[in-house]
PDB file of N, CA and C in Angstrom:
ATOM      1  N   UNK A   1      88.457  88.945 135.535  1.00  0.00           N
ATOM      2  CA  UNK A   1      89.191  88.683 134.304  1.00  0.00           C
ATOM      3  C   UNK A   1      88.817  89.748 133.271  1.00  0.00           C
ATOM      4  N   UNK A   2      89.822  90.209 132.539  1.00  0.00           N
ATOM      5  CA  UNK A   2      89.624  91.259 131.552  1.00  0.00           C
ATOM      6  C   UNK A   2      89.427  90.669 130.162  1.00  0.00           C
ATOM      7  N   UNK A   3      88.634  91.356 129.344  1.00  0.00           N
ATOM      8  CA  UNK A   3      88.518  90.959 127.947  1.00  0.00           C
ATOM      9  C   UNK A   3      89.816  91.346 127.236  1.00  0.00           C
ATOM     10  N   UNK A   4      90.092  90.734 126.098  1.00  0.00           N
ATOM     11  CA  UNK A   4      91.296  91.129 125.362  1.00  0.00           C
ATOM     12  C   UNK A   4      91.290  92.630 125.011  1.00  0.00           C
ATOM     13  N   UNK A   5      90.141  93.175 124.683  1.00  0.00           N
ATOM     14  CA  UNK A   5      90.042  94.596 124.353  1.00  0.00           C
ATOM     15  C   UNK A   5      90.392  95.464 125.562  1.00  0.00           C
ATOM     16  N   UNK A   6      89.922  95.093 126.738  1.00  0.00           N
ATOM     17  CA  UNK A   6      90.257  95.841 127.957  1.00  0.00           C
ATOM     18  C   UNK A   6      91.750  95.763 128.256  1.00  0.00           C
ATOM     19  N   UNK A   7      92.309  94.577 128.077  1.00  0.00           N
ATOM     20  CA  UNK A   7      93.740  94.380 128.312  1.00  0.00           C
ATOM     21  C   UNK A   7      94.578  95.249 127.370  1.00  0.00           C
ATOM     22  N   UNK A   8      94.172  95.327 126.114  1.00  0.00           N
ATOM     23  CA  UNK A   8      94.879  96.163 125.139  1.00  0.00           C
ATOM     24  C   UNK A   8      94.821  97.620 125.562  1.00  0.00           C
ATOM     25  N   UNK A   9      93.648  98.096 125.952  1.00  0.00           N
ATOM     26  CA  UNK A   9      93.508  99.494 126.387  1.00  0.00           C
ATOM     27  C   UNK A   9      94.352  99.772 127.626  1.00  0.00           C
ATOM     28  N   UNK A  10      94.387  98.835 128.562  1.00  0.00           N
ATOM     29  CA  UNK A  10      95.205  99.011 129.769  1.00  0.00           C
ATOM     30  C   UNK A  10      96.694  99.035 129.431  1.00  0.00           C
ATOM     31  N   UNK A  11      97.099  98.203 128.480  1.00  0.00           N
ATOM     32  CA  UNK A  11      98.507  98.173 128.083  1.00  0.00           C
ATOM     33  C   UNK A  11      98.917  99.504 127.450  1.00  0.00           C
ATOM     34  N   UNK A  12      98.072 100.050 126.601  1.00  0.00           N
ATOM     35  CA  UNK A  12      98.383 101.352 126.003  1.00  0.00           C
ATOM     36  C   UNK A  12      98.425 102.447 127.059  1.00  0.00           C
ATOM     37  N   UNK A  13      97.502 102.421 128.007  1.00  0.00           N
ATOM     38  CA  UNK A  13      97.505 103.425 129.081  1.00  0.00           C
ATOM     39  C   UNK A  13      98.793 103.318 129.895  1.00  0.00           C
ATOM     40  N   UNK A  14      99.234 102.098 130.177  1.00  0.00           N
ATOM     41  CA  UNK A  14     100.481 101.906 130.931  1.00  0.00           C
ATOM     42  C   UNK A  14     101.677 102.379 130.110  1.00  0.00           C
ATOM     43  N   UNK A  15     101.677 102.116 128.803  1.00  0.00           N
ATOM     44  CA  UNK A  15     102.757 102.590 127.937  1.00  0.00           C
ATOM     45  C   UNK A  15     102.831 104.111 127.984  1.00  0.00           C
ATOM     46  N   UNK A  16     101.686 104.767 127.857  1.00  0.00           N
ATOM     47  CA  UNK A  16     101.655 106.234 127.881  1.00  0.00           C
ATOM     48  C   UNK A  16     102.087 106.797 129.225  1.00  0.00           C
ATOM     49  N   UNK A  17     101.890 106.024 130.296  1.00  0.00           N
ATOM     50  CA  UNK A  17     102.326 106.434 131.636  1.00  0.00           C
ATOM     51  C   UNK A  17     103.782 106.039 131.903  1.00  0.00           C
ATOM     52  N   UNK A  18     104.415 105.385 130.932  1.00  0.00           N
ATOM     53  CA  UNK A  18     105.802 104.902 131.048  1.00  0.00           C
ATOM     54  C   UNK A  18     105.945 103.869 132.168  1.00  0.00           C
ATOM     55  N   UNK A  19     104.891 103.097 132.360  1.00  0.00           N
ATOM     56  CA  UNK A  19     104.867 102.038 133.374  1.00  0.00           C
ATOM     57  C   UNK A  19     105.281 100.727 132.700  1.00  0.00           C
ATOM     58  N   UNK A  20     106.576 100.569 132.505  1.00  0.00           N
ATOM     59  CA  UNK A  20     107.110  99.424 131.772  1.00  0.00           C
ATOM     60  C   UNK A  20     106.718  98.084 132.391  1.00  0.00           C
ATOM     61  N   UNK A  21     106.831  97.889 133.717  1.00  0.00           N
ATOM     62  CA  UNK A  21     106.470  96.576 134.269  1.00  0.00           C
ATOM     63  C   UNK A  21     105.028  96.169 133.957  1.00  0.00           C
ATOM     64  N   UNK A  22     104.102  97.116 133.994  1.00  0.00           N
ATOM     65  CA  UNK A  22     102.705  96.784 133.711  1.00  0.00           C
ATOM     66  C   UNK A  22     102.515  96.402 132.249  1.00  0.00           C
ATOM     67  N   UNK A  23     103.146  97.139 131.339  1.00  0.00           N
ATOM     68  CA  UNK A  23     103.029  96.786 129.924  1.00  0.00           C
ATOM     69  C   UNK A  23     103.640  95.415 129.674  1.00  0.00           C
ATOM     70  N   UNK A  24     104.833  95.186 130.194  1.00  0.00           N
ATOM     71  CA  UNK A  24     105.505  93.905 129.955  1.00  0.00           C
ATOM     72  C   UNK A  24     104.713  92.738 130.526  1.00  0.00           C
ATOM     73  N   UNK A  25     103.988  92.961 131.597  1.00  0.00           N
ATOM     74  CA  UNK A  25     103.169  91.889 132.186  1.00  0.00           C
ATOM     75  C   UNK A  25     102.067  91.438 131.235  1.00  0.00           C
ATOM     76  N   UNK A  26     101.708  92.288 130.274  1.00  0.00           N
ATOM     77  CA  UNK A  26     100.659  91.915 129.315  1.00  0.00           C
ATOM     78  C   UNK A  26     101.227  91.241 128.076  1.00  0.00           C
ATOM     79  N   UNK A  27     102.550  91.248 127.929  1.00  0.00           N
ATOM     80  CA  UNK A  27     103.188  90.711 126.731  1.00  0.00           C
ATOM     81  C   UNK A  27     103.827  89.356 126.990  1.00  0.00           C
ATOM     82  N   UNK A  28     103.850  88.522 125.969  1.00  0.00           N
ATOM     83  CA  UNK A  28     104.505  87.217 126.042  1.00  0.00           C
ATOM     84  C   UNK A  28     105.991  87.423 126.378  1.00  0.00           C
ATOM     85  N   UNK A  29     106.593  86.538 127.162  1.00  0.00           N
ATOM     86  CA  UNK A  29     108.011  86.706 127.523  1.00  0.00           C
ATOM     87  C   UNK A  29     108.946  86.806 126.314  1.00  0.00           C
ATOM     88  N   UNK A  30     108.580  86.218 125.185  1.00  0.00           N
ATOM     89  CA  UNK A  30     109.412  86.296 123.983  1.00  0.00           C
ATOM     90  C   UNK A  30     108.792  87.214 122.936  1.00  0.00           C
ATOM     91  N   UNK A  31     108.138  88.282 123.397  1.00  0.00           N
ATOM     92  CA  UNK A  31     107.523  89.255 122.495  1.00  0.00           C
ATOM     93  C   UNK A  31     108.547  89.719 121.462  1.00  0.00           C
ATOM     94  N   UNK A  32     108.078  89.986 120.261  1.00  0.00           N
ATOM     95  CA  UNK A  32     108.923  90.545 119.195  1.00  0.00           C
ATOM     96  C   UNK A  32     108.342  91.910 118.873  1.00  0.00           C
ATOM     97  N   UNK A  33     109.050  92.955 119.295  1.00  0.00           N
ATOM     98  CA  UNK A  33     108.557  94.331 119.202  1.00  0.00           C
ATOM     99  C   UNK A  33     109.341  95.086 118.127  1.00  0.00           C
ATOM    100  N   UNK A  34     108.628  95.675 117.177  1.00  0.00           N
ATOM    101  CA  UNK A  34     109.296  96.454 116.130  1.00  0.00           C
ATOM    102  C   UNK A  34     109.985  97.668 116.747  1.00  0.00           C
ATOM    103  N   UNK A  35     111.254  97.794 116.446  1.00  0.00           N
ATOM    104  CA  UNK A  35     112.001  98.978 116.900  1.00  0.00           C
ATOM    105  C   UNK A  35     111.927 100.021 115.784  1.00  0.00           C
ATOM    106  N   UNK A  36     110.743 100.626 115.649  1.00  0.00           N
ATOM    107  CA  UNK A  36     110.488 101.548 114.542  1.00  0.00           C
ATOM    108  C   UNK A  36     111.477 102.700 114.528  1.00  0.00           C
ATOM    109  N   UNK A  37     111.874 103.146 115.677  1.00  0.00           N
ATOM    110  CA  UNK A  37     112.772 104.288 115.791  1.00  0.00           C
ATOM    111  C   UNK A  37     114.203 103.918 115.391  1.00  0.00           C
ATOM    112  N   UNK A  38     114.597 102.669 115.611  1.00  0.00           N
ATOM    113  CA  UNK A  38     115.970 102.223 115.337  1.00  0.00           C
ATOM    114  C   UNK A  38     116.067 101.230 114.178  1.00  0.00           C
ATOM    115  N   UNK A  39     114.966 100.580 113.862  1.00  0.00           N
ATOM    116  CA  UNK A  39     114.980  99.520 112.863  1.00  0.00           C
ATOM    117  C   UNK A  39     115.132  98.158 113.529  1.00  0.00           C
ATOM    118  N   UNK A  40     114.717  97.109 112.814  1.00  0.00           N
ATOM    119  CA  UNK A  40     114.790  95.731 113.293  1.00  0.00           C
ATOM    120  C   UNK A  40     113.772  95.494 114.408  1.00  0.00           C
ATOM    121  N   UNK A  41     114.024  94.497 115.252  1.00  0.00           N
ATOM    122  CA  UNK A  41     113.099  94.115 116.312  1.00  0.00           C
ATOM    123  C   UNK A  41     113.839  93.915 117.635  1.00  0.00           C
ATOM    124  N   UNK A  42     113.118  94.145 118.717  1.00  0.00           N
ATOM    125  CA  UNK A  42     113.581  93.774 120.055  1.00  0.00           C
ATOM    126  C   UNK A  42     112.825  92.509 120.420  1.00  0.00           C
ATOM    127  N   UNK A  43     113.527  91.527 120.965  1.00  0.00           N
ATOM    128  CA  UNK A  43     112.904  90.260 121.315  1.00  0.00           C
ATOM    129  C   UNK A  43     113.043  90.016 122.811  1.00  0.00           C
ATOM    130  N   UNK A  44     111.917  89.757 123.464  1.00  0.00           N
ATOM    131  CA  UNK A  44     111.920  89.477 124.893  1.00  0.00           C
ATOM    132  C   UNK A  44     111.775  90.741 125.718  1.00  0.00           C
ATOM    133  N   UNK A  45     111.353  90.550 126.946  1.00  0.00           N
ATOM    134  CA  UNK A  45     111.065  91.677 127.840  1.00  0.00           C
ATOM    135  C   UNK A  45     112.262  92.601 128.047  1.00  0.00           C
ATOM    136  N   UNK A  46     113.442  92.053 128.238  1.00  0.00           N
ATOM    137  CA  UNK A  46     114.594  92.899 128.547  1.00  0.00           C
ATOM    138  C   UNK A  46     115.002  93.760 127.357  1.00  0.00           C
ATOM    139  N   UNK A  47     114.972  93.197 126.147  1.00  0.00           N
ATOM    140  CA  UNK A  47     115.308  93.995 124.959  1.00  0.00           C
ATOM    141  C   UNK A  47     114.259  95.077 124.719  1.00  0.00           C
ATOM    142  N   UNK A  48     112.982  94.747 124.923  1.00  0.00           N
ATOM    143  CA  UNK A  48     111.913  95.735 124.748  1.00  0.00           C
ATOM    144  C   UNK A  48     112.060  96.848 125.782  1.00  0.00           C
ATOM    145  N   UNK A  49     112.324  96.476 127.027  1.00  0.00           N
ATOM    146  CA  UNK A  49     112.531  97.477 128.086  1.00  0.00           C
ATOM    147  C   UNK A  49     113.683  98.424 127.708  1.00  0.00           C
ATOM    148  N   UNK A  50     114.797  97.866 127.280  1.00  0.00           N
ATOM    149  CA  UNK A  50     115.967  98.671 126.925  1.00  0.00           C
ATOM    150  C   UNK A  50     115.653  99.583 125.740  1.00  0.00           C
ATOM    151  N   UNK A  51     114.929  99.074 124.756  1.00  0.00           N
ATOM    152  CA  UNK A  51     114.553  99.890 123.593  1.00  0.00           C
ATOM    153  C   UNK A  51     113.691 101.070 124.026  1.00  0.00           C
ATOM    154  N   UNK A  52     112.650 100.806 124.820  1.00  0.00           N
ATOM    155  CA  UNK A  52     111.777 101.895 125.273  1.00  0.00           C
ATOM    156  C   UNK A  52     112.563 102.928 126.075  1.00  0.00           C
ATOM    157  N   UNK A  53     113.455 102.474 126.931  1.00  0.00           N
ATOM    158  CA  UNK A  53     114.225 103.418 127.738  1.00  0.00           C
ATOM    159  C   UNK A  53     115.101 104.310 126.851  1.00  0.00           C
ATOM    160  N   UNK A  54     115.703 103.729 125.814  1.00  0.00           N
ATOM    161  CA  UNK A  54     116.491 104.541 124.879  1.00  0.00           C
ATOM    162  C   UNK A  54     115.582 105.502 124.116  1.00  0.00           C
ATOM    163  N   UNK A  55     114.466 104.981 123.630  1.00  0.00           N
ATOM    164  CA  UNK A  55     113.528 105.781 122.842  1.00  0.00           C
ATOM    165  C   UNK A  55     113.020 106.974 123.656  1.00  0.00           C
ATOM    166  N   UNK A  56     112.644 106.733 124.899  1.00  0.00           N
ATOM    167  CA  UNK A  56     112.038 107.782 125.716  1.00  0.00           C
ATOM    168  C   UNK A  56     113.042 108.843 126.169  1.00  0.00           C
ATOM    169  N   UNK A  57     114.317 108.605 125.958  1.00  0.00           N
ATOM    170  CA  UNK A  57     115.305 109.653 126.214  1.00  0.00           C
ATOM    171  C   UNK A  57     115.311 110.692 125.090  1.00  0.00           C
ATOM    172  N   UNK A  58     114.872 110.289 123.901  1.00  0.00           N
ATOM    173  CA  UNK A  58     114.888 111.162 122.723  1.00  0.00           C
ATOM    174  C   UNK A  58     113.491 111.594 122.272  1.00  0.00           C
ATOM    175  N   UNK A  59     112.506 110.705 122.452  1.00  0.00           N
ATOM    176  CA  UNK A  59     111.157 110.934 121.947  1.00  0.00           C
ATOM    177  C   UNK A  59     110.120 110.767 123.050  1.00  0.00           C
ATOM    178  N   UNK A  60     108.978 111.408 122.849  1.00  0.00           N
ATOM    179  CA  UNK A  60     107.864 111.303 123.794  1.00  0.00           C
ATOM    180  C   UNK A  60     106.619 110.855 123.031  1.00  0.00           C
ATOM    181  N   UNK A  61     106.478 109.528 122.789  1.00  0.00           N
ATOM    182  CA  UNK A  61     105.309 109.056 122.061  1.00  0.00           C
ATOM    183  C   UNK A  61     104.091 108.907 122.979  1.00  0.00           C
ATOM    184  N   UNK A  62     102.925 109.190 122.422  1.00  0.00           N
ATOM    185  CA  UNK A  62     101.651 108.955 123.107  1.00  0.00           C
ATOM    186  C   UNK A  62     100.761 108.237 122.096  1.00  0.00           C
ATOM    187  N   UNK A  63     100.298 107.039 122.458  1.00  0.00           N
ATOM    188  CA  UNK A  63      99.563 106.193 121.528  1.00  0.00           C
ATOM    189  C   UNK A  63      98.211 105.827 122.131  1.00  0.00           C
ATOM    190  N   UNK A  64      97.146 106.152 121.402  1.00  0.00           N
ATOM    191  CA  UNK A  64      95.782 105.843 121.858  1.00  0.00           C
ATOM    192  C   UNK A  64      95.118 104.889 120.871  1.00  0.00           C
ATOM    193  N   UNK A  65      94.606 103.756 121.359  1.00  0.00           N
ATOM    194  CA  UNK A  65      93.849 102.888 120.457  1.00  0.00           C
ATOM    195  C   UNK A  65      92.535 103.572 120.080  1.00  0.00           C
ATOM    196  N   UNK A  66      92.240 103.588 118.781  1.00  0.00           N
ATOM    197  CA  UNK A  66      91.009 104.208 118.305  1.00  0.00           C
ATOM    198  C   UNK A  66      89.980 103.168 117.884  1.00  0.00           C
ATOM    199  N   UNK A  67      90.458 101.975 117.556  1.00  0.00           N
ATOM    200  CA  UNK A  67      89.541 100.917 117.128  1.00  0.00           C
ATOM    201  C   UNK A  67      90.221  99.567 117.322  1.00  0.00           C
ATOM    202  N   UNK A  68      89.473  98.606 117.836  1.00  0.00           N
ATOM    203  CA  UNK A  68      89.962  97.236 117.991  1.00  0.00           C
ATOM    204  C   UNK A  68      89.015  96.351 117.205  1.00  0.00           C
ATOM    205  N   UNK A  69      89.560  95.677 116.193  1.00  0.00           N
ATOM    206  CA  UNK A  69      88.751  94.882 115.270  1.00  0.00           C
ATOM    207  C   UNK A  69      89.133  93.416 115.410  1.00  0.00           C
ATOM    208  N   UNK A  70      88.147  92.557 115.610  1.00  0.00           N
ATOM    209  CA  UNK A  70      88.418  91.118 115.637  1.00  0.00           C
ATOM    210  C   UNK A  70      88.401  90.599 114.211  1.00  0.00           C
ATOM    211  N   UNK A  71      89.502  89.986 113.801  1.00  0.00           N
ATOM    212  CA  UNK A  71      89.638  89.442 112.461  1.00  0.00           C
ATOM    213  C   UNK A  71      89.020  88.052 112.389  1.00  0.00           C
ATOM    214  N   UNK A  72      88.695  87.567 111.186  1.00  0.00           N
ATOM    215  CA  UNK A  72      88.056  86.257 111.042  1.00  0.00           C
ATOM    216  C   UNK A  72      88.829  85.109 111.697  1.00  0.00           C
ATOM    217  N   UNK A  73      90.166  85.231 111.760  1.00  0.00           N
ATOM    218  CA  UNK A  73      90.970  84.152 112.346  1.00  0.00           C
ATOM    219  C   UNK A  73      91.135  84.292 113.859  1.00  0.00           C
ATOM    220  N   UNK A  74      90.456  85.290 114.466  1.00  0.00           N
ATOM    221  CA  UNK A  74      90.505  85.459 115.917  1.00  0.00           C
ATOM    222  C   UNK A  74      91.530  86.475 116.403  1.00  0.00           C
ATOM    223  N   UNK A  75      92.463  86.874 115.528  1.00  0.00           N
ATOM    224  CA  UNK A  75      93.425  87.904 115.920  1.00  0.00           C
ATOM    225  C   UNK A  75      92.716  89.243 116.053  1.00  0.00           C
ATOM    226  N   UNK A  76      93.344  90.145 116.794  1.00  0.00           N
ATOM    227  CA  UNK A  76      92.799  91.486 116.959  1.00  0.00           C
ATOM    228  C   UNK A  76      93.690  92.486 116.231  1.00  0.00           C
ATOM    229  N   UNK A  77      93.071  93.363 115.474  1.00  0.00           N
ATOM    230  CA  UNK A  77      93.781  94.452 114.809  1.00  0.00           C
ATOM    231  C   UNK A  77      93.494  95.712 115.618  1.00  0.00           C
ATOM    232  N   UNK A  78      94.555  96.405 116.004  1.00  0.00           N
ATOM    233  CA  UNK A  78      94.397  97.618 116.809  1.00  0.00           C
ATOM    234  C   UNK A  78      94.828  98.801 115.961  1.00  0.00           C
ATOM    235  N   UNK A  79      93.905  99.713 115.757  1.00  0.00           N
ATOM    236  CA  UNK A  79      94.216 100.957 115.058  1.00  0.00           C
ATOM    237  C   UNK A  79      94.445 102.020 116.116  1.00  0.00           C
ATOM    238  N   UNK A  80      95.468 102.820 115.901  1.00  0.00           N
ATOM    239  CA  UNK A  80      95.865 103.795 116.918  1.00  0.00           C
ATOM    240  C   UNK A  80      96.060 105.172 116.308  1.00  0.00           C
ATOM    241  N   UNK A  81      96.000 106.152 117.176  1.00  0.00           N
ATOM    242  CA  UNK A  81      96.461 107.497 116.838  1.00  0.00           C
ATOM    243  C   UNK A  81      97.696 107.733 117.685  1.00  0.00           C
ATOM    244  N   UNK A  82      98.753 108.135 117.020  1.00  0.00           N
ATOM    245  CA  UNK A  82     100.036 108.296 117.700  1.00  0.00           C
ATOM    246  C   UNK A  82     100.540 109.717 117.508  1.00  0.00           C
ATOM    247  N   UNK A  83     100.908 110.340 118.607  1.00  0.00           N
ATOM    248  CA  UNK A  83     101.550 111.645 118.574  1.00  0.00           C
ATOM    249  C   UNK A  83     102.949 111.452 119.144  1.00  0.00           C
ATOM    250  N   UNK A  84     103.944 111.889 118.374  1.00  0.00           N
ATOM    251  CA  UNK A  84     105.326 111.741 118.809  1.00  0.00           C
ATOM    252  C   UNK A  84     105.936 113.135 118.909  1.00  0.00           C
ATOM    253  N   UNK A  85     106.465 113.418 120.077  1.00  0.00           N
ATOM    254  CA  UNK A  85     107.145 114.694 120.289  1.00  0.00           C
ATOM    255  C   UNK A  85     108.611 114.409 120.560  1.00  0.00           C
ATOM    256  N   UNK A  86     109.456 115.285 120.049  1.00  0.00           N
ATOM    257  CA  UNK A  86     110.845 115.190 120.479  1.00  0.00           C
ATOM    258  C   UNK A  86     110.967 116.076 121.714  1.00  0.00           C
ATOM    259  N   UNK A  87     112.132 116.228 122.218  1.00  0.00           N
ATOM    260  CA  UNK A  87     112.286 116.999 123.449  1.00  0.00           C
ATOM    261  C   UNK A  87     112.021 118.489 123.238  1.00  0.00           C
ATOM    262  N   UNK A  88     111.916 118.925 121.958  1.00  0.00           N
ATOM    263  CA  UNK A  88     111.651 120.329 121.651  1.00  0.00           C
ATOM    264  C   UNK A  88     110.167 120.604 121.390  1.00  0.00           C
ATOM    265  N   UNK A  89     109.329 119.545 121.229  1.00  0.00           N
ATOM    266  CA  UNK A  89     107.907 119.742 120.967  1.00  0.00           C
ATOM    267  C   UNK A  89     107.405 118.772 119.910  1.00  0.00           C
ATOM    268  N   UNK A  90     106.187 119.007 119.363  1.00  0.00           N
ATOM    269  CA  UNK A  90     105.602 118.068 118.396  1.00  0.00           C
ATOM    270  C   UNK A  90     106.481 117.922 117.155  1.00  0.00           C
ATOM    271  N   UNK A  91     106.665 116.676 116.718  1.00  0.00           N
ATOM    272  CA  UNK A  91     107.446 116.448 115.522  1.00  0.00           C
ATOM    273  C   UNK A  91     106.676 115.682 114.458  1.00  0.00           C
ATOM    274  N   UNK A  92     105.623 114.943 114.844  1.00  0.00           N
ATOM    275  CA  UNK A  92     104.835 114.237 113.838  1.00  0.00           C
ATOM    276  C   UNK A  92     103.528 113.769 114.426  1.00  0.00           C
ATOM    277  N   UNK A  93     102.584 113.551 113.565  1.00  0.00           N
ATOM    278  CA  UNK A  93     101.300 112.998 113.946  1.00  0.00           C
ATOM    279  C   UNK A  93     100.991 111.916 112.926  1.00  0.00           C
ATOM    280  N   UNK A  94     100.635 110.758 113.425  1.00  0.00           N
ATOM    281  CA  UNK A  94     100.406 109.637 112.526  1.00  0.00           C
ATOM    282  C   UNK A  94      99.225 108.828 113.024  1.00  0.00           C
ATOM    283  N   UNK A  95      98.343 108.438 112.143  1.00  0.00           N
ATOM    284  CA  UNK A  95      97.235 107.558 112.499  1.00  0.00           C
ATOM    285  C   UNK A  95      97.313 106.328 111.613  1.00  0.00           C
ATOM    286  N   UNK A  96      97.195 105.177 112.220  1.00  0.00           N
ATOM    287  CA  UNK A  96      97.190 103.920 111.441  1.00  0.00           C
ATOM    288  C   UNK A  96      95.876 103.242 111.614  1.00  0.00           C
TER     289      UNK A  96
END
C-alpha cells in the first residue's frame, strides 16, 4: 500500500509520461479538474481524458511536485513546478 504522498508523486509521473489510465486510476470517478487552458472544469474520467488529449495536441506540460504539505484538516497541499511548452518550444515557466 502506498502513502498518499507516494500516490501523488506516481500520479504526476504518469501525467508527465502521458499515461492517462494510470493517472485516472488515482482519481475519484467524479473528479473535478480545472481546465486551466480552456476555462471551467472537466468532471469525471472521460471529460478529463478528453481535455488532456486536446491540451496535449497544443501544449506539452511537465509538472513536478516540489512539496507536499499536510494541512491541519488532513488535506494535502501540493506545490509544483510546471514547465509548459508549445509545439515550437518553451512558452512559460510557473511555480505554485
